[in-house]
Amino acid sequence: MQPHLSKCFENVNKLEFEKDLKMTAMFSGEGERVPFKVSHYPEGSVEFWLTDILKEMKTTVQEQIVLSTDA
């Protein structure tokens, strides 16, 4: 799945997986690591867990934008 992420999500190069396959972060094309607020497991059909990851990406980026404006 990793080689196809950049085709599915703009500027998302890869996901970070732990040994138990828990997805904990995303990496941009420039190598920037953005940790997810909530970790996810790739369970069930790929369409379902990718939808969960898409929601998590949006939530995480929104949170990071808010945090950056509070500084």
PDB file of N, CA and C in Angstrom:
ATOM      1  N   MET A   1       0.818  -1.203   0.000  1.00  0.00           N
ATOM      2  CA  MET A   1       0.000   0.000   0.000  1.00  0.00           C
ATOM      3  C   MET A   1       0.856   1.259   0.000  1.00  0.00           C
ATOM      4  N   GLN A   2       2.004   1.227   0.663  1.00  0.00           N
ATOM      5  CA  GLN A   2       2.846   2.429   0.804  1.00  0.00           C
ATOM      6  C   GLN A   2       3.169   3.097  -0.548  1.00  0.00           C
ATOM      7  N   PRO A   3       3.543   2.336  -1.590  1.00  0.00           N
ATOM      8  CA  PRO A   3       3.893   2.998  -2.858  1.00  0.00           C
ATOM      9  C   PRO A   3       2.734   3.765  -3.499  1.00  0.00           C
ATOM     10  N   HIS A   4       1.506   3.442  -3.120  1.00  0.00           N
ATOM     11  CA  HIS A   4       0.345   4.071  -3.745  1.00  0.00           C
ATOM     12  C   HIS A   4      -0.230   5.236  -2.938  1.00  0.00           C
ATOM     13  N   LEU A   5       0.286   5.482  -1.751  1.00  0.00           N
ATOM     14  CA  LEU A   5      -0.272   6.544  -0.899  1.00  0.00           C
ATOM     15  C   LEU A   5      -0.216   7.909  -1.555  1.00  0.00           C
ATOM     16  N   SER A   6       0.891   8.219  -2.204  1.00  0.00           N
ATOM     17  CA  SER A   6       1.014   9.549  -2.821  1.00  0.00           C
ATOM     18  C   SER A   6       0.028   9.729  -3.970  1.00  0.00           C
ATOM     19  N   LYS A   7      -0.455   8.633  -4.526  1.00  0.00           N
ATOM     20  CA  LYS A   7      -1.475   8.719  -5.577  1.00  0.00           C
ATOM     21  C   LYS A   7      -2.860   8.938  -4.975  1.00  0.00           C
ATOM     22  N   CYS A   8      -3.060   8.452  -3.767  1.00  0.00           N
ATOM     23  CA  CYS A   8      -4.358   8.578  -3.091  1.00  0.00           C
ATOM     24  C   CYS A   8      -4.496   9.892  -2.331  1.00  0.00           C
ATOM     25  N   PHE A   9      -3.386  10.335  -1.704  1.00  0.00           N
ATOM     26  CA  PHE A   9      -3.421  11.515  -0.847  1.00  0.00           C
ATOM     27  C   PHE A   9      -2.300  12.454  -1.256  1.00  0.00           C
ATOM     28  N   GLU A  10      -2.650  13.693  -1.560  1.00  0.00           N
ATOM     29  CA  GLU A  10      -1.661  14.666  -2.007  1.00  0.00           C
ATOM     30  C   GLU A  10      -0.600  14.913  -0.939  1.00  0.00           C
ATOM     31  N   ASN A  11       0.649  14.765  -1.335  1.00  0.00           N
ATOM     32  CA  ASN A  11       1.842  15.010  -0.526  1.00  0.00           C
ATOM     33  C   ASN A  11       1.950  14.126   0.719  1.00  0.00           C
ATOM     34  N   VAL A  12       1.259  12.993   0.739  1.00  0.00           N
ATOM     35  CA  VAL A  12       1.470  12.008   1.801  1.00  0.00           C
ATOM     36  C   VAL A  12       2.316  10.898   1.185  1.00  0.00           C
ATOM     37  N   ASN A  13       3.553  10.810   1.646  1.00  0.00           N
ATOM     38  CA  ASN A  13       4.502   9.869   1.060  1.00  0.00           C
ATOM     39  C   ASN A  13       4.393   8.473   1.657  1.00  0.00           C
ATOM     40  N   LYS A  14       4.212   8.400   2.986  1.00  0.00           N
ATOM     41  CA  LYS A  14       4.092   7.096   3.631  1.00  0.00           C
ATOM     42  C   LYS A  14       3.460   7.246   4.998  1.00  0.00           C
ATOM     43  N   LEU A  15       3.060   6.101   5.542  1.00  0.00           N
ATOM     44  CA  LEU A  15       2.522   6.030   6.891  1.00  0.00           C
ATOM     45  C   LEU A  15       3.530   5.331   7.777  1.00  0.00           C
ATOM     46  N   GLU A  16       3.503   5.677   9.056  1.00  0.00           N
ATOM     47  CA  GLU A  16       4.379   5.024  10.018  1.00  0.00           C
ATOM     48  C   GLU A  16       3.611   3.885  10.673  1.00  0.00           C
ATOM     49  N   PHE A  17       4.203   2.689  10.608  1.00  0.00           N
ATOM     50  CA  PHE A  17       3.611   1.500  11.211  1.00  0.00           C
ATOM     51  C   PHE A  17       4.488   1.033  12.359  1.00  0.00           C
ATOM     52  N   GLU A  18       3.852   0.610  13.449  1.00  0.00           N
ATOM     53  CA  GLU A  18       4.581  -0.039  14.529  1.00  0.00           C
ATOM     54  C   GLU A  18       4.624  -1.533  14.235  1.00  0.00           C
ATOM     55  N   LYS A  19       5.330  -2.289  15.068  1.00  0.00           N
ATOM     56  CA  LYS A  19       5.470  -3.730  14.836  1.00  0.00           C
ATOM     57  C   LYS A  19       4.134  -4.464  14.787  1.00  0.00           C
ATOM     58  N   ASP A  20       3.155  -3.977  15.554  1.00  0.00           N
ATOM     59  CA  ASP A  20       1.838  -4.622  15.561  1.00  0.00           C
ATOM     60  C   ASP A  20       0.917  -4.072  14.465  1.00  0.00           C
ATOM     61  N   LEU A  21       1.488  -3.313  13.518  1.00  0.00           N
ATOM     62  CA  LEU A  21       0.813  -2.706  12.370  1.00  0.00           C
ATOM     63  C   LEU A  21      -0.048  -1.488  12.711  1.00  0.00           C
ATOM     64  N   LYS A  22       0.049  -1.008  13.942  1.00  0.00           N
ATOM     65  CA  LYS A  22      -0.677   0.207  14.303  1.00  0.00           C
ATOM     66  C   LYS A  22      -0.087   1.382  13.520  1.00  0.00           C
ATOM     67  N   MET A  23      -0.955   2.170  12.882  1.00  0.00           N
ATOM     68  CA  MET A  23      -0.521   3.338  12.113  1.00  0.00           C
ATOM     69  C   MET A  23      -0.513   4.549  13.045  1.00  0.00           C
ATOM     70  N   THR A  24       0.654   5.177  13.188  1.00  0.00           N
ATOM     71  CA  THR A  24       0.803   6.219  14.196  1.00  0.00           C
ATOM     72  C   THR A  24       1.140   7.600  13.643  1.00  0.00           C
ATOM     73  N   ALA A  25       1.549   7.693  12.373  1.00  0.00           N
ATOM     74  CA  ALA A  25       1.937   8.996  11.821  1.00  0.00           C
ATOM     75  C   ALA A  25       1.945   8.939  10.310  1.00  0.00           C
ATOM     76  N   MET A  26       1.991  10.115   9.705  1.00  0.00           N
ATOM     77  CA  MET A  26       2.138  10.225   8.253  1.00  0.00           C
ATOM     78  C   MET A  26       3.390  11.048   7.952  1.00  0.00           C
ATOM     79  N   PHE A  27       3.975  10.800   6.791  1.00  0.00           N
ATOM     80  CA  PHE A  27       5.158  11.528   6.344  1.00  0.00           C
ATOM     81  C   PHE A  27       4.847  12.233   5.040  1.00  0.00           C
ATOM     82  N   SER A  28       5.258  13.490   4.934  1.00  0.00           N
ATOM     83  CA  SER A  28       5.063  14.242   3.703  1.00  0.00           C
ATOM     84  C   SER A  28       6.106  13.836   2.677  1.00  0.00           C
ATOM     85  N   GLY A  29       5.961  14.336   1.470  1.00  0.00           N
ATOM     86  CA  GLY A  29       6.937  14.100   0.426  1.00  0.00           C
ATOM     87  C   GLY A  29       8.293  14.669   0.770  1.00  0.00           C
ATOM     88  N   GLU A  30       8.332  15.663   1.651  1.00  0.00           N
ATOM     89  CA  GLU A  30       9.590  16.287   2.081  1.00  0.00           C
ATOM     90  C   GLU A  30      10.178  15.596   3.310  1.00  0.00           C
ATOM     91  N   GLY A  31       9.490  14.572   3.813  1.00  0.00           N
ATOM     92  CA  GLY A  31       9.997  13.822   4.956  1.00  0.00           C
ATOM     93  C   GLY A  31       9.526  14.326   6.307  1.00  0.00           C
ATOM     94  N   GLU A  32       8.605  15.283   6.325  1.00  0.00           N
ATOM     95  CA  GLU A  32       8.084  15.793   7.598  1.00  0.00           C
ATOM     96  C   GLU A  32       7.163  14.750   8.233  1.00  0.00           C
ATOM     97  N   ARG A  33       7.387  14.457   9.498  1.00  0.00           N
ATOM     98  CA  ARG A  33       6.572  13.484  10.228  1.00  0.00           C
ATOM     99  C   ARG A  33       5.489  14.222  11.006  1.00  0.00           C
ATOM    100  N   VAL A  34       4.253  13.790  10.821  1.00  0.00           N
ATOM    101  CA  VAL A  34       3.124  14.362  11.552  1.00  0.00           C
ATOM    102  C   VAL A  34       2.428  13.218  12.283  1.00  0.00           C
ATOM    103  N   PRO A  35       2.542  13.190  13.616  1.00  0.00           N
ATOM    104  CA  PRO A  35       1.913  12.096  14.375  1.00  0.00           C
ATOM    105  C   PRO A  35       0.393  12.235  14.399  1.00  0.00           C
ATOM    106  N   PHE A  36      -0.284  11.103  14.307  1.00  0.00           N
ATOM    107  CA  PHE A  36      -1.737  11.095  14.401  1.00  0.00           C
ATOM    108  C   PHE A  36      -2.154  11.309  15.849  1.00  0.00           C
ATOM    109  N   LYS A  37      -3.269  11.991  16.029  1.00  0.00           N
ATOM    110  CA  LYS A  37      -3.820  12.172  17.372  1.00  0.00           C
ATOM    111  C   LYS A  37      -4.306  10.829  17.913  1.00  0.00           C
ATOM    112  N   VAL A  38      -4.920  10.042  17.051  1.00  0.00           N
ATOM    113  CA  VAL A  38      -5.418   8.715  17.401  1.00  0.00           C
ATOM    114  C   VAL A  38      -4.812   7.707  16.440  1.00  0.00           C
ATOM    115  N   SER A  39      -4.243   6.637  16.959  1.00  0.00           N
ATOM    116  CA  SER A  39      -3.658   5.588  16.124  1.00  0.00           C
ATOM    117  C   SER A  39      -4.754   4.676  15.579  1.00  0.00           C
ATOM    118  N   HIS A  40      -4.451   4.039  14.454  1.00  0.00           N
ATOM    119  CA  HIS A  40      -5.412   3.151  13.805  1.00  0.00           C
ATOM    120  C   HIS A  40      -4.734   1.861  13.379  1.00  0.00           C
ATOM    121  N   TYR A  41      -5.536   0.804  13.261  1.00  0.00           N
ATOM    122  CA  TYR A  41      -5.059  -0.476  12.746  1.00  0.00           C
ATOM    123  C   TYR A  41      -5.689  -0.724  11.380  1.00  0.00           C
ATOM    124  N   PRO A  42      -4.934  -1.304  10.458  1.00  0.00           N
ATOM    125  CA  PRO A  42      -5.493  -1.606   9.130  1.00  0.00           C
ATOM    126  C   PRO A  42      -6.345  -2.873   9.174  1.00  0.00           C
ATOM    127  N   GLU A  43      -7.553  -2.764   9.677  1.00  0.00           N
ATOM    128  CA  GLU A  43      -8.441  -3.914   9.825  1.00  0.00           C
ATOM    129  C   GLU A  43      -9.572  -3.838   8.816  1.00  0.00           C
ATOM    130  N   GLY A  44      -9.946  -4.982   8.283  1.00  0.00           N
ATOM    131  CA  GLY A  44     -11.029  -5.036   7.303  1.00  0.00           C
ATOM    132  C   GLY A  44     -10.549  -4.663   5.918  1.00  0.00           C
ATOM    133  N   SER A  45     -11.479  -4.297   5.074  1.00  0.00           N
ATOM    134  CA  SER A  45     -11.164  -3.922   3.693  1.00  0.00           C
ATOM    135  C   SER A  45     -10.344  -2.643   3.654  1.00  0.00           C
ATOM    136  N   VAL A  46      -9.444  -2.571   2.693  1.00  0.00           N
ATOM    137  CA  VAL A  46      -8.561  -1.409   2.580  1.00  0.00           C
ATOM    138  C   VAL A  46      -9.364  -0.122   2.417  1.00  0.00           C
ATOM    139  N   GLU A  47     -10.504  -0.197   1.731  1.00  0.00           N
ATOM    140  CA  GLU A  47     -11.328   1.000   1.529  1.00  0.00           C
ATOM    141  C   GLU A  47     -11.808   1.581   2.853  1.00  0.00           C
ATOM    142  N   PHE A  48     -12.110   0.711   3.807  1.00  0.00           N
ATOM    143  CA  PHE A  48     -12.626   1.179   5.096  1.00  0.00           C
ATOM    144  C   PHE A  48     -11.530   1.793   5.955  1.00  0.00           C
ATOM    145  N   TRP A  49     -10.379   1.122   6.073  1.00  0.00           N
ATOM    146  CA  TRP A  49      -9.362   1.702   6.935  1.00  0.00           C
ATOM    147  C   TRP A  49      -8.690   2.903   6.296  1.00  0.00           C
ATOM    148  N   LEU A  50      -8.650   2.976   4.960  1.00  0.00           N
ATOM    149  CA  LEU A  50      -8.127   4.188   4.328  1.00  0.00           C
ATOM    150  C   LEU A  50      -9.062   5.376   4.553  1.00  0.00           C
ATOM    151  N   THR A  51     -10.355   5.106   4.606  1.00  0.00           N
ATOM    152  CA  THR A  51     -11.309   6.175   4.936  1.00  0.00           C
ATOM    153  C   THR A  51     -11.069   6.666   6.357  1.00  0.00           C
ATOM    154  N   ASP A  52     -10.813   5.752   7.274  1.00  0.00           N
ATOM    155  CA  ASP A  52     -10.497   6.151   8.652  1.00  0.00           C
ATOM    156  C   ASP A  52      -9.209   6.980   8.692  1.00  0.00           C
ATOM    157  N   ILE A  53      -8.205   6.577   7.915  1.00  0.00           N
ATOM    158  CA  ILE A  53      -6.942   7.315   7.876  1.00  0.00           C
ATOM    159  C   ILE A  53      -7.157   8.702   7.274  1.00  0.00           C
ATOM    160  N   LEU A  54      -7.984   8.802   6.243  1.00  0.00           N
ATOM    161  CA  LEU A  54      -8.283  10.111   5.654  1.00  0.00           C
ATOM    162  C   LEU A  54      -8.902  11.043   6.691  1.00  0.00           C
ATOM    163  N   LYS A  55      -9.853  10.544   7.460  1.00  0.00           N
ATOM    164  CA  LYS A  55     -10.477  11.358   8.520  1.00  0.00           C
ATOM    165  C   LYS A  55      -9.437  11.766   9.563  1.00  0.00           C
ATOM    166  N   GLU A  56      -8.555  10.823   9.920  1.00  0.00           N
ATOM    167  CA  GLU A  56      -7.514  11.122  10.908  1.00  0.00           C
ATOM    168  C   GLU A  56      -6.528  12.153  10.370  1.00  0.00           C
ATOM    169  N   MET A  57      -6.192  12.063   9.091  1.00  0.00           N
ATOM    170  CA  MET A  57      -5.297  13.057   8.476  1.00  0.00           C
ATOM    171  C   MET A  57      -5.904  14.457   8.584  1.00  0.00           C
ATOM    172  N   LYS A  58      -7.169  14.566   8.250  1.00  0.00           N
ATOM    173  CA  LYS A  58      -7.845  15.869   8.312  1.00  0.00           C
ATOM    174  C   LYS A  58      -7.882  16.409   9.735  1.00  0.00           C
ATOM    175  N   THR A  59      -8.260  15.557  10.679  1.00  0.00           N
ATOM    176  CA  THR A  59      -8.326  15.961  12.084  1.00  0.00           C
ATOM    177  C   THR A  59      -6.955  16.394  12.586  1.00  0.00           C
ATOM    178  N   THR A  60      -5.932  15.619  12.257  1.00  0.00           N
ATOM    179  CA  THR A  60      -4.572  15.907  12.712  1.00  0.00           C
ATOM    180  C   THR A  60      -4.070  17.228  12.145  1.00  0.00           C
ATOM    181  N   VAL A  61      -4.289  17.456  10.850  1.00  0.00           N
ATOM    182  CA  VAL A  61      -3.823  18.700  10.227  1.00  0.00           C
ATOM    183  C   VAL A  61      -4.582  19.894  10.799  1.00  0.00           C
ATOM    184  N   GLN A  62      -5.881  19.753  10.996  1.00  0.00           N
ATOM    185  CA  GLN A  62      -6.658  20.843  11.598  1.00  0.00           C
ATOM    186  C   GLN A  62      -6.125  21.176  12.984  1.00  0.00           C
ATOM    187  N   GLU A  63      -5.834  20.153  13.771  1.00  0.00           N
ATOM    188  CA  GLU A  63      -5.307  20.378  15.121  1.00  0.00           C
ATOM    189  C   GLU A  63      -3.951  21.073  15.068  1.00  0.00           C
ATOM    190  N   GLN A  64      -3.095  20.651  14.144  1.00  0.00           N
ATOM    191  CA  GLN A  64      -1.772  21.268  14.016  1.00  0.00           C
ATOM    192  C   GLN A  64      -1.875  22.727  13.601  1.00  0.00           C
ATOM    193  N   ILE A  65      -2.828  23.057  12.762  1.00  0.00           N
ATOM    194  CA  ILE A  65      -3.032  24.463  12.352  1.00  0.00           C
ATOM    195  C   ILE A  65      -3.463  25.300  13.552  1.00  0.00           C
ATOM    196  N   VAL A  66      -4.384  24.780  14.338  1.00  0.00           N
ATOM    197  CA  VAL A  66      -4.835  25.497  15.541  1.00  0.00           C
ATOM    198  C   VAL A  66      -3.674  25.691  16.505  1.00  0.00           C
ATOM    199  N   LEU A  67      -2.910  24.628  16.733  1.00  0.00           N
ATOM    200  CA  LEU A  67      -1.755  24.728  17.648  1.00  0.00           C
ATOM    201  C   LEU A  67      -0.723  25.738  17.150  1.00  0.00           C
ATOM    202  N   SER A  68      -0.543  25.820  15.850  1.00  0.00           N
ATOM    203  CA  SER A  68       0.459  26.750  15.325  1.00  0.00           C
ATOM    204  C   SER A  68       0.014  28.205  15.449  1.00  0.00           C
ATOM    205  N   THR A  69      -1.278  28.450  15.474  1.00  0.00           N
ATOM    206  CA  THR A  69      -1.765  29.830  15.604  1.00  0.00           C
ATOM    207  C   THR A  69      -1.818  30.282  17.048  1.00  0.00           C
ATOM    208  N   ASP A  70      -1.785  29.340  17.988  1.00  0.00           N
ATOM    209  CA  ASP A  70      -1.819  29.681  19.405  1.00  0.00           C
ATOM    210  C   ASP A  70      -0.437  30.129  19.927  1.00  0.00           C
ATOM    211  N   ALA A  71       0.589  29.880  19.167  1.00  0.00           N
ATOM    212  CA  ALA A  71       1.942  30.183  19.633  1.00  0.00           C
ATOM    213  C   ALA A  71       2.216  31.662  19.713  1.00  0.00           C
TER     214      ALA A  71
END
